[in-house]
């Protein structure tokens, strides 16, 4: 029996026999269940800790040798993609690498992203073929890293609902 912080339940293996993990996980579908509420709390704490949009998270961590912008460019407005790429010299060490992703559906923003990285002082190292149906780009920073000029309370981008 599991009892922790008001969360009470029986793990599938506690009753003997083969665990029915599918049945146990069904509680996550009920927004009022303890498991569902626990998941919401964990997700909120993760978002607070890893919120890449808040510039304060970059102070003391940049410039970095490797900057991952994966899962971002397809989930923010195009103007914010341009803004993030323009800020990349503040995030990336000299000779550092940025790896980014963006879908290739129309309108295909990848050609513009390539231009924005070039203007920001990056050299394209690799780009997936459009026929793959996805975009993965790798760029090396050939410039001199800029000091972090973002205000600590500044939001670099906002995720958008793409439904």
N, C-alpha and C. Protein backbone atom coordinates (compact mmCIF):
# COMPACT_ATOMS: atom_id res chain seq x y z
N UNK A 1 0.85 -1.18 0.00
CA UNK A 1 0.00 0.00 0.00
C UNK A 1 0.88 1.23 0.00
N UNK A 2 0.57 2.19 -0.84
CA UNK A 2 1.31 3.44 -0.94
C UNK A 2 0.56 4.51 -0.18
N UNK A 3 1.24 5.17 0.76
CA UNK A 3 0.65 6.31 1.45
C UNK A 3 1.70 7.39 1.57
N UNK A 4 1.46 8.51 0.90
CA UNK A 4 2.43 9.59 0.92
C UNK A 4 1.72 10.88 0.58
N UNK A 5 1.71 11.81 1.51
CA UNK A 5 1.14 13.13 1.25
C UNK A 5 -0.31 13.06 0.79
N UNK A 6 -1.10 12.16 1.36
CA UNK A 6 -2.50 12.07 0.99
C UNK A 6 -2.76 11.19 -0.21
N UNK A 7 -1.72 10.64 -0.81
CA UNK A 7 -1.87 9.76 -1.96
C UNK A 7 -1.92 8.33 -1.45
N UNK A 8 -3.05 7.68 -1.60
CA UNK A 8 -3.19 6.31 -1.15
C UNK A 8 -3.63 5.46 -2.31
N UNK A 9 -3.02 4.34 -2.46
CA UNK A 9 -3.40 3.44 -3.54
C UNK A 9 -2.64 2.14 -3.44
N UNK A 10 -3.06 1.17 -4.18
CA UNK A 10 -2.42 -0.12 -4.19
C UNK A 10 -1.70 -0.28 -5.52
N UNK A 11 -0.43 -0.57 -5.47
CA UNK A 11 0.31 -0.84 -6.69
C UNK A 11 -0.17 -2.18 -7.24
N UNK A 12 -0.20 -2.32 -8.55
CA UNK A 12 -0.70 -3.56 -9.15
C UNK A 12 0.00 -4.81 -8.66
N UNK A 13 1.27 -4.74 -8.38
CA UNK A 13 2.01 -5.92 -7.95
C UNK A 13 1.76 -6.30 -6.50
N UNK A 14 1.10 -5.43 -5.72
CA UNK A 14 0.88 -5.69 -4.29
C UNK A 14 -0.16 -6.78 -4.04
N UNK A 15 -0.99 -7.07 -5.02
CA UNK A 15 -2.06 -8.04 -4.82
C UNK A 15 -1.65 -9.43 -5.28
N UNK A 16 -0.41 -9.60 -5.71
CA UNK A 16 0.03 -10.89 -6.21
C UNK A 16 -0.33 -11.04 -7.68
N UNK A 17 0.28 -11.98 -8.33
CA UNK A 17 0.00 -12.20 -9.75
C UNK A 17 0.71 -11.17 -10.61
N UNK A 18 0.33 -11.13 -11.87
CA UNK A 18 0.93 -10.20 -12.82
C UNK A 18 0.36 -8.81 -12.62
N UNK A 19 1.21 -7.81 -12.52
CA UNK A 19 0.73 -6.44 -12.34
C UNK A 19 -0.08 -5.96 -13.54
N UNK A 20 -1.20 -5.30 -13.30
CA UNK A 20 -2.00 -4.69 -14.36
C UNK A 20 -1.73 -3.19 -14.35
N UNK A 21 -0.61 -2.83 -14.96
CA UNK A 21 -0.18 -1.43 -14.94
C UNK A 21 -1.12 -0.55 -15.74
N UNK A 22 -1.73 -1.09 -16.77
CA UNK A 22 -2.68 -0.30 -17.57
C UNK A 22 -3.84 0.16 -16.71
N UNK A 23 -4.40 -0.76 -15.94
CA UNK A 23 -5.52 -0.41 -15.07
C UNK A 23 -5.10 0.61 -14.02
N UNK A 24 -3.91 0.44 -13.47
CA UNK A 24 -3.44 1.36 -12.44
C UNK A 24 -3.29 2.77 -13.00
N UNK A 25 -2.82 2.88 -14.23
CA UNK A 25 -2.60 4.19 -14.84
C UNK A 25 -3.90 4.87 -15.28
N UNK A 26 -5.00 4.14 -15.29
CA UNK A 26 -6.28 4.74 -15.68
C UNK A 26 -6.65 5.92 -14.77
N UNK A 27 -6.17 5.91 -13.55
CA UNK A 27 -6.48 7.00 -12.62
C UNK A 27 -5.96 8.34 -13.12
N UNK A 28 -4.95 8.32 -13.97
CA UNK A 28 -4.43 9.58 -14.52
C UNK A 28 -5.47 10.27 -15.40
N UNK A 29 -6.40 9.53 -15.96
CA UNK A 29 -7.44 10.12 -16.82
C UNK A 29 -8.50 10.86 -16.01
N UNK A 30 -8.59 10.57 -14.73
CA UNK A 30 -9.57 11.23 -13.85
C UNK A 30 -8.90 12.45 -13.22
N UNK A 31 -9.29 13.67 -13.62
CA UNK A 31 -8.62 14.87 -13.10
C UNK A 31 -8.74 15.05 -11.59
N UNK A 32 -9.68 14.34 -10.95
CA UNK A 32 -9.84 14.45 -9.50
C UNK A 32 -9.08 13.39 -8.72
N UNK A 33 -8.45 12.44 -9.42
CA UNK A 33 -7.72 11.39 -8.71
C UNK A 33 -6.43 11.94 -8.12
N UNK A 34 -5.94 11.28 -7.10
CA UNK A 34 -4.69 11.69 -6.47
C UNK A 34 -3.53 11.59 -7.46
N UNK A 35 -3.53 10.55 -8.29
CA UNK A 35 -2.45 10.40 -9.27
C UNK A 35 -2.46 11.56 -10.27
N UNK A 36 -3.63 11.93 -10.73
CA UNK A 36 -3.74 13.04 -11.68
C UNK A 36 -3.31 14.36 -11.05
N UNK A 37 -3.73 14.59 -9.82
CA UNK A 37 -3.33 15.83 -9.12
C UNK A 37 -1.84 15.85 -8.87
N UNK A 38 -1.27 14.70 -8.49
CA UNK A 38 0.17 14.60 -8.27
C UNK A 38 0.93 14.91 -9.56
N UNK A 39 0.48 14.34 -10.67
CA UNK A 39 1.11 14.58 -11.96
C UNK A 39 1.08 16.07 -12.30
N UNK A 40 -0.03 16.73 -12.06
CA UNK A 40 -0.14 18.16 -12.36
C UNK A 40 0.86 18.97 -11.54
N UNK A 41 1.06 18.60 -10.29
CA UNK A 41 2.02 19.31 -9.44
C UNK A 41 3.44 19.09 -9.96
N UNK A 42 3.79 17.86 -10.30
CA UNK A 42 5.12 17.57 -10.81
C UNK A 42 5.37 18.33 -12.12
N UNK A 43 4.39 18.31 -13.02
CA UNK A 43 4.53 19.03 -14.28
C UNK A 43 4.73 20.52 -14.06
N UNK A 44 3.98 21.10 -13.13
CA UNK A 44 4.12 22.53 -12.84
C UNK A 44 5.51 22.85 -12.31
N UNK A 45 6.03 22.01 -11.41
CA UNK A 45 7.37 22.26 -10.86
C UNK A 45 8.43 22.12 -11.95
N UNK A 46 8.26 21.17 -12.84
CA UNK A 46 9.21 21.01 -13.95
C UNK A 46 9.17 22.25 -14.84
N UNK A 47 7.95 22.71 -15.17
CA UNK A 47 7.84 23.91 -16.01
C UNK A 47 8.51 25.12 -15.36
N UNK A 48 8.30 25.29 -14.07
CA UNK A 48 8.92 26.42 -13.36
C UNK A 48 10.43 26.33 -13.40
N UNK A 49 10.95 25.13 -13.27
CA UNK A 49 12.40 24.94 -13.23
C UNK A 49 13.03 25.06 -14.61
N UNK A 50 12.35 24.54 -15.62
CA UNK A 50 12.95 24.46 -16.94
C UNK A 50 12.38 25.46 -17.94
N UNK A 51 11.66 26.46 -17.49
CA UNK A 51 11.01 27.39 -18.40
C UNK A 51 12.05 28.15 -19.22
N UNK A 52 12.32 27.63 -20.41
CA UNK A 52 13.34 28.21 -21.28
C UNK A 52 12.99 29.59 -21.77
N UNK A 53 11.74 29.95 -21.68
CA UNK A 53 11.32 31.26 -22.18
C UNK A 53 11.79 32.40 -21.28
N UNK A 54 12.04 32.13 -20.01
CA UNK A 54 12.42 33.18 -19.07
C UNK A 54 13.93 33.40 -19.10
N UNK A 55 14.33 34.60 -19.41
CA UNK A 55 15.75 34.92 -19.58
C UNK A 55 16.57 34.73 -18.31
N UNK A 56 15.94 34.84 -17.15
CA UNK A 56 16.67 34.71 -15.89
C UNK A 56 17.34 33.33 -15.78
N UNK A 57 16.79 32.33 -16.44
CA UNK A 57 17.36 30.99 -16.37
C UNK A 57 18.70 30.88 -17.07
N UNK A 58 19.03 31.84 -17.92
CA UNK A 58 20.28 31.76 -18.68
C UNK A 58 21.45 32.41 -17.95
N UNK A 59 21.17 33.32 -17.04
CA UNK A 59 22.24 34.02 -16.32
C UNK A 59 23.13 33.00 -15.61
N UNK A 60 24.42 33.09 -15.85
CA UNK A 60 25.39 32.20 -15.21
C UNK A 60 25.55 30.87 -15.93
N UNK A 61 24.70 30.58 -16.90
CA UNK A 61 24.77 29.30 -17.62
C UNK A 61 25.28 29.47 -19.05
N UNK A 62 25.45 30.69 -19.46
CA UNK A 62 25.89 30.96 -20.84
C UNK A 62 27.13 31.83 -20.82
N UNK A 63 27.95 31.78 -21.86
CA UNK A 63 27.73 31.06 -23.10
C UNK A 63 27.98 29.57 -22.96
N UNK A 64 27.22 28.79 -23.71
CA UNK A 64 27.30 27.33 -23.64
C UNK A 64 27.94 26.77 -24.91
N UNK A 65 28.61 25.66 -24.77
CA UNK A 65 29.21 24.99 -25.92
C UNK A 65 28.15 24.30 -26.77
N UNK A 66 27.04 23.91 -26.15
CA UNK A 66 25.96 23.25 -26.86
C UNK A 66 24.64 23.87 -26.43
N UNK A 67 23.89 24.39 -27.39
CA UNK A 67 22.57 24.97 -27.15
C UNK A 67 21.56 24.13 -27.92
N UNK A 68 20.59 23.57 -27.22
CA UNK A 68 19.55 22.75 -27.85
C UNK A 68 18.27 23.55 -27.94
N UNK A 69 17.81 23.77 -29.15
CA UNK A 69 16.55 24.46 -29.39
C UNK A 69 15.60 23.49 -30.07
N UNK A 70 15.43 22.36 -29.46
CA UNK A 70 14.61 21.28 -30.01
C UNK A 70 13.21 21.32 -29.39
N UNK A 71 12.21 21.21 -30.25
CA UNK A 71 10.84 21.25 -29.76
C UNK A 71 10.35 22.66 -29.47
N UNK A 72 11.09 23.65 -29.89
CA UNK A 72 10.74 25.04 -29.61
C UNK A 72 10.19 25.73 -30.85
N UNK A 73 10.92 25.71 -31.94
CA UNK A 73 10.59 26.54 -33.11
C UNK A 73 9.25 26.19 -33.74
N UNK A 74 8.76 24.99 -33.58
CA UNK A 74 7.45 24.63 -34.12
C UNK A 74 6.31 24.97 -33.18
N UNK A 75 6.64 25.48 -32.01
CA UNK A 75 5.63 25.74 -30.99
C UNK A 75 5.59 27.19 -30.53
N UNK A 76 6.27 28.06 -31.26
CA UNK A 76 6.26 29.49 -30.96
C UNK A 76 5.98 30.26 -32.25
N UNK A 77 5.57 31.50 -32.11
CA UNK A 77 5.28 32.33 -33.28
C UNK A 77 6.56 32.56 -34.07
N UNK A 78 6.40 32.76 -35.38
CA UNK A 78 7.56 32.98 -36.26
C UNK A 78 8.41 34.15 -35.79
N UNK A 79 7.77 35.22 -35.34
CA UNK A 79 8.52 36.39 -34.86
C UNK A 79 9.37 36.02 -33.65
N UNK A 80 8.88 35.10 -32.82
CA UNK A 80 9.66 34.65 -31.67
C UNK A 80 10.81 33.74 -32.09
N UNK A 81 10.62 32.97 -33.17
CA UNK A 81 11.73 32.16 -33.69
C UNK A 81 12.87 33.10 -34.09
N UNK A 82 12.53 34.15 -34.82
CA UNK A 82 13.55 35.12 -35.24
C UNK A 82 14.23 35.75 -34.03
N UNK A 83 13.46 36.05 -33.00
CA UNK A 83 14.00 36.66 -31.78
C UNK A 83 14.96 35.71 -31.06
N UNK A 84 14.60 34.44 -30.98
CA UNK A 84 15.47 33.45 -30.32
C UNK A 84 16.77 33.29 -31.10
N UNK A 85 16.68 33.20 -32.42
CA UNK A 85 17.89 33.06 -33.23
C UNK A 85 18.76 34.30 -33.07
N UNK A 86 18.17 35.48 -33.05
CA UNK A 86 18.94 36.71 -32.87
C UNK A 86 19.62 36.76 -31.51
N UNK A 87 19.03 36.11 -30.51
CA UNK A 87 19.62 36.07 -29.16
C UNK A 87 20.64 34.95 -29.01
N UNK A 88 20.71 34.04 -29.97
CA UNK A 88 21.61 32.89 -29.86
C UNK A 88 23.08 33.26 -29.63
N UNK A 89 23.61 34.38 -30.20
CA UNK A 89 25.00 34.74 -29.89
C UNK A 89 25.22 35.09 -28.41
N UNK A 90 24.16 35.38 -27.69
CA UNK A 90 24.28 35.63 -26.25
C UNK A 90 24.27 34.31 -25.46
N UNK A 91 23.85 33.25 -26.10
CA UNK A 91 23.71 31.96 -25.43
C UNK A 91 24.82 30.97 -25.78
N UNK A 92 25.52 31.21 -26.90
CA UNK A 92 26.45 30.23 -27.46
C UNK A 92 27.89 30.70 -27.38
N UNK A 93 28.76 29.81 -26.92
CA UNK A 93 30.19 30.11 -26.84
C UNK A 93 30.79 30.15 -28.24
N UNK A 94 31.93 30.82 -28.39
CA UNK A 94 32.65 30.83 -29.66
C UNK A 94 32.95 29.40 -30.07
N UNK A 95 32.59 29.04 -31.29
CA UNK A 95 32.79 27.68 -31.76
C UNK A 95 31.73 26.72 -31.26
N UNK A 96 30.80 27.21 -30.46
CA UNK A 96 29.74 26.36 -29.92
C UNK A 96 28.74 25.95 -30.99
N UNK A 97 27.94 24.97 -30.64
CA UNK A 97 26.98 24.39 -31.57
C UNK A 97 25.56 24.61 -31.09
N UNK A 98 24.69 24.96 -32.04
CA UNK A 98 23.25 25.01 -31.79
C UNK A 98 22.61 23.92 -32.62
N UNK A 99 21.79 23.10 -31.98
CA UNK A 99 20.98 22.10 -32.67
C UNK A 99 19.53 22.51 -32.48
N UNK A 100 18.79 22.59 -33.57
CA UNK A 100 17.41 23.04 -33.50
C UNK A 100 16.53 22.15 -34.36
N UNK A 101 15.23 22.19 -34.07
CA UNK A 101 14.26 21.44 -34.86
C UNK A 101 13.10 22.34 -35.24
N UNK A 102 12.48 22.00 -36.36
CA UNK A 102 11.28 22.70 -36.82
C UNK A 102 10.63 21.80 -37.88
N UNK A 103 9.32 21.65 -37.82
CA UNK A 103 8.63 20.86 -38.83
C UNK A 103 8.83 21.47 -40.21
N UNK A 104 8.55 20.71 -41.24
CA UNK A 104 8.71 21.19 -42.62
C UNK A 104 7.36 21.39 -43.31
N UNK A 105 6.27 21.41 -42.52
CA UNK A 105 4.96 21.69 -43.11
C UNK A 105 4.92 23.13 -43.61
N UNK A 106 4.00 23.38 -44.54
CA UNK A 106 3.81 24.75 -45.04
C UNK A 106 3.08 25.57 -43.99
N UNK A 107 3.44 26.81 -43.83
CA UNK A 107 4.56 27.45 -44.52
C UNK A 107 5.89 27.00 -43.89
N UNK A 108 6.80 26.55 -44.73
CA UNK A 108 8.09 26.02 -44.28
C UNK A 108 8.99 27.19 -43.89
N UNK A 109 9.23 27.34 -42.60
CA UNK A 109 10.04 28.44 -42.08
C UNK A 109 11.54 28.14 -42.12
N UNK A 110 11.91 26.89 -42.40
CA UNK A 110 13.32 26.50 -42.33
C UNK A 110 14.23 27.40 -43.17
N UNK A 111 13.89 27.73 -44.42
CA UNK A 111 14.79 28.61 -45.18
C UNK A 111 15.03 29.96 -44.48
N UNK A 112 14.02 30.51 -43.86
CA UNK A 112 14.19 31.78 -43.13
C UNK A 112 15.05 31.57 -41.89
N UNK A 113 14.86 30.45 -41.20
CA UNK A 113 15.67 30.15 -40.02
C UNK A 113 17.14 30.08 -40.40
N UNK A 114 17.43 29.46 -41.53
CA UNK A 114 18.81 29.38 -42.01
C UNK A 114 19.38 30.78 -42.23
N UNK A 115 18.59 31.67 -42.84
CA UNK A 115 19.03 33.05 -43.06
C UNK A 115 19.28 33.76 -41.73
N UNK A 116 18.37 33.58 -40.77
CA UNK A 116 18.52 34.25 -39.48
C UNK A 116 19.78 33.79 -38.76
N UNK A 117 20.07 32.50 -38.81
CA UNK A 117 21.30 32.01 -38.18
C UNK A 117 22.54 32.59 -38.87
N UNK A 118 22.53 32.69 -40.19
CA UNK A 118 23.66 33.26 -40.91
C UNK A 118 23.88 34.71 -40.50
N UNK A 119 22.82 35.48 -40.42
CA UNK A 119 22.92 36.89 -40.03
C UNK A 119 23.46 37.00 -38.60
N UNK A 120 23.12 36.04 -37.75
CA UNK A 120 23.55 36.07 -36.34
C UNK A 120 24.98 35.57 -36.15
N UNK A 121 25.67 35.18 -37.25
CA UNK A 121 27.07 34.77 -37.14
C UNK A 121 27.30 33.28 -37.05
N UNK A 122 26.32 32.49 -37.44
CA UNK A 122 26.43 31.03 -37.38
C UNK A 122 26.69 30.46 -38.77
N UNK A 123 27.41 29.36 -38.79
CA UNK A 123 27.70 28.64 -40.03
C UNK A 123 26.93 27.32 -40.00
N UNK A 124 26.22 27.06 -41.07
CA UNK A 124 25.46 25.81 -41.15
C UNK A 124 26.42 24.63 -41.25
N UNK A 125 26.24 23.66 -40.37
CA UNK A 125 27.05 22.45 -40.36
C UNK A 125 26.29 21.31 -41.03
N UNK A 126 24.99 21.24 -40.75
CA UNK A 126 24.19 20.14 -41.27
C UNK A 126 22.73 20.52 -41.25
N UNK A 127 21.97 20.03 -42.21
CA UNK A 127 20.52 20.23 -42.25
C UNK A 127 19.88 18.99 -42.83
N UNK A 128 18.84 18.50 -42.17
CA UNK A 128 18.12 17.34 -42.70
C UNK A 128 17.45 17.69 -44.02
N UNK A 129 17.25 16.69 -44.84
CA UNK A 129 16.58 16.88 -46.12
C UNK A 129 15.10 17.17 -45.90
N UNK A 130 14.53 18.07 -46.69
CA UNK A 130 13.12 18.40 -46.57
C UNK A 130 12.25 17.17 -46.77
N UNK A 131 12.68 16.25 -47.62
CA UNK A 131 11.90 15.04 -47.90
C UNK A 131 11.72 14.16 -46.67
N UNK A 132 12.52 14.37 -45.64
CA UNK A 132 12.38 13.61 -44.40
C UNK A 132 11.09 13.97 -43.66
N UNK A 133 10.56 15.16 -43.94
CA UNK A 133 9.33 15.59 -43.29
C UNK A 133 9.56 16.31 -41.97
N UNK A 134 10.79 16.42 -41.56
CA UNK A 134 11.13 17.15 -40.34
C UNK A 134 12.37 17.98 -40.63
N UNK A 135 12.59 18.95 -39.81
CA UNK A 135 13.79 19.76 -39.95
C UNK A 135 14.65 19.66 -38.71
N UNK A 136 15.89 19.29 -38.90
CA UNK A 136 16.90 19.32 -37.84
C UNK A 136 18.08 20.09 -38.42
N UNK A 137 18.48 21.12 -37.72
CA UNK A 137 19.61 21.91 -38.16
C UNK A 137 20.71 21.94 -37.13
N UNK A 138 21.94 22.02 -37.62
CA UNK A 138 23.10 22.13 -36.75
C UNK A 138 23.91 23.32 -37.26
N UNK A 139 24.17 24.26 -36.36
CA UNK A 139 24.95 25.45 -36.71
C UNK A 139 26.08 25.65 -35.71
N UNK A 140 27.22 26.11 -36.20
CA UNK A 140 28.37 26.43 -35.35
C UNK A 140 28.48 27.95 -35.28
N UNK A 141 28.71 28.46 -34.08
CA UNK A 141 28.83 29.90 -33.90
C UNK A 141 30.24 30.34 -34.27
N UNK A 142 30.34 31.16 -35.32
CA UNK A 142 31.63 31.62 -35.82
C UNK A 142 31.96 33.02 -35.34
N UNK A 143 31.09 33.60 -34.54
CA UNK A 143 31.30 34.96 -34.07
C UNK A 143 31.89 35.00 -32.67
N UNK A 144 31.86 36.18 -32.11
CA UNK A 144 32.30 36.40 -30.74
C UNK A 144 31.06 36.45 -29.86
N UNK A 145 31.02 35.65 -28.80
CA UNK A 145 29.82 35.65 -27.96
C UNK A 145 29.52 37.04 -27.42
N UNK A 146 28.27 37.39 -27.45
CA UNK A 146 27.83 38.67 -26.89
C UNK A 146 27.47 38.45 -25.43
N UNK A 147 27.66 39.48 -24.64
CA UNK A 147 27.24 39.40 -23.25
C UNK A 147 25.73 39.23 -23.20
N UNK A 148 25.26 38.59 -22.17
CA UNK A 148 23.83 38.39 -22.00
C UNK A 148 23.18 39.75 -21.76
N UNK A 149 22.46 40.22 -22.76
CA UNK A 149 21.83 41.54 -22.68
C UNK A 149 20.35 41.46 -22.35
N UNK A 150 19.84 40.26 -22.25
CA UNK A 150 18.43 40.11 -21.94
C UNK A 150 18.17 40.56 -20.51
N UNK A 151 17.09 41.29 -20.30
CA UNK A 151 16.69 41.64 -18.93
C UNK A 151 16.32 40.36 -18.21
N UNK A 152 16.61 40.28 -16.93
CA UNK A 152 16.36 39.05 -16.18
C UNK A 152 14.88 38.69 -16.12
N UNK A 153 14.01 39.68 -16.30
CA UNK A 153 12.58 39.40 -16.25
C UNK A 153 11.97 39.28 -17.65
N UNK A 154 12.81 39.28 -18.66
CA UNK A 154 12.35 39.27 -20.04
C UNK A 154 11.90 37.87 -20.46
N UNK A 155 10.84 37.82 -21.24
CA UNK A 155 10.38 36.56 -21.82
C UNK A 155 10.84 36.53 -23.26
N UNK A 156 11.62 35.54 -23.58
CA UNK A 156 12.23 35.43 -24.90
C UNK A 156 11.22 34.96 -25.95
N UNK A 157 10.27 34.13 -25.54
CA UNK A 157 9.23 33.64 -26.45
C UNK A 157 8.06 33.14 -25.63
N UNK A 158 6.95 32.92 -26.32
CA UNK A 158 5.76 32.34 -25.70
C UNK A 158 5.31 31.16 -26.55
N UNK A 159 5.03 30.05 -25.89
CA UNK A 159 4.49 28.91 -26.61
C UNK A 159 3.08 29.24 -27.08
N UNK A 160 2.73 28.78 -28.26
CA UNK A 160 1.41 29.04 -28.83
C UNK A 160 0.67 27.73 -28.97
N UNK A 161 -0.66 27.84 -28.97
CA UNK A 161 -1.52 26.67 -29.17
C UNK A 161 -1.65 26.45 -30.67
N UNK A 162 -1.19 25.32 -31.13
CA UNK A 162 -1.20 25.02 -32.57
C UNK A 162 -2.38 24.16 -32.99
N UNK A 163 -3.38 23.99 -32.14
CA UNK A 163 -4.52 23.11 -32.49
C UNK A 163 -5.33 23.67 -33.59
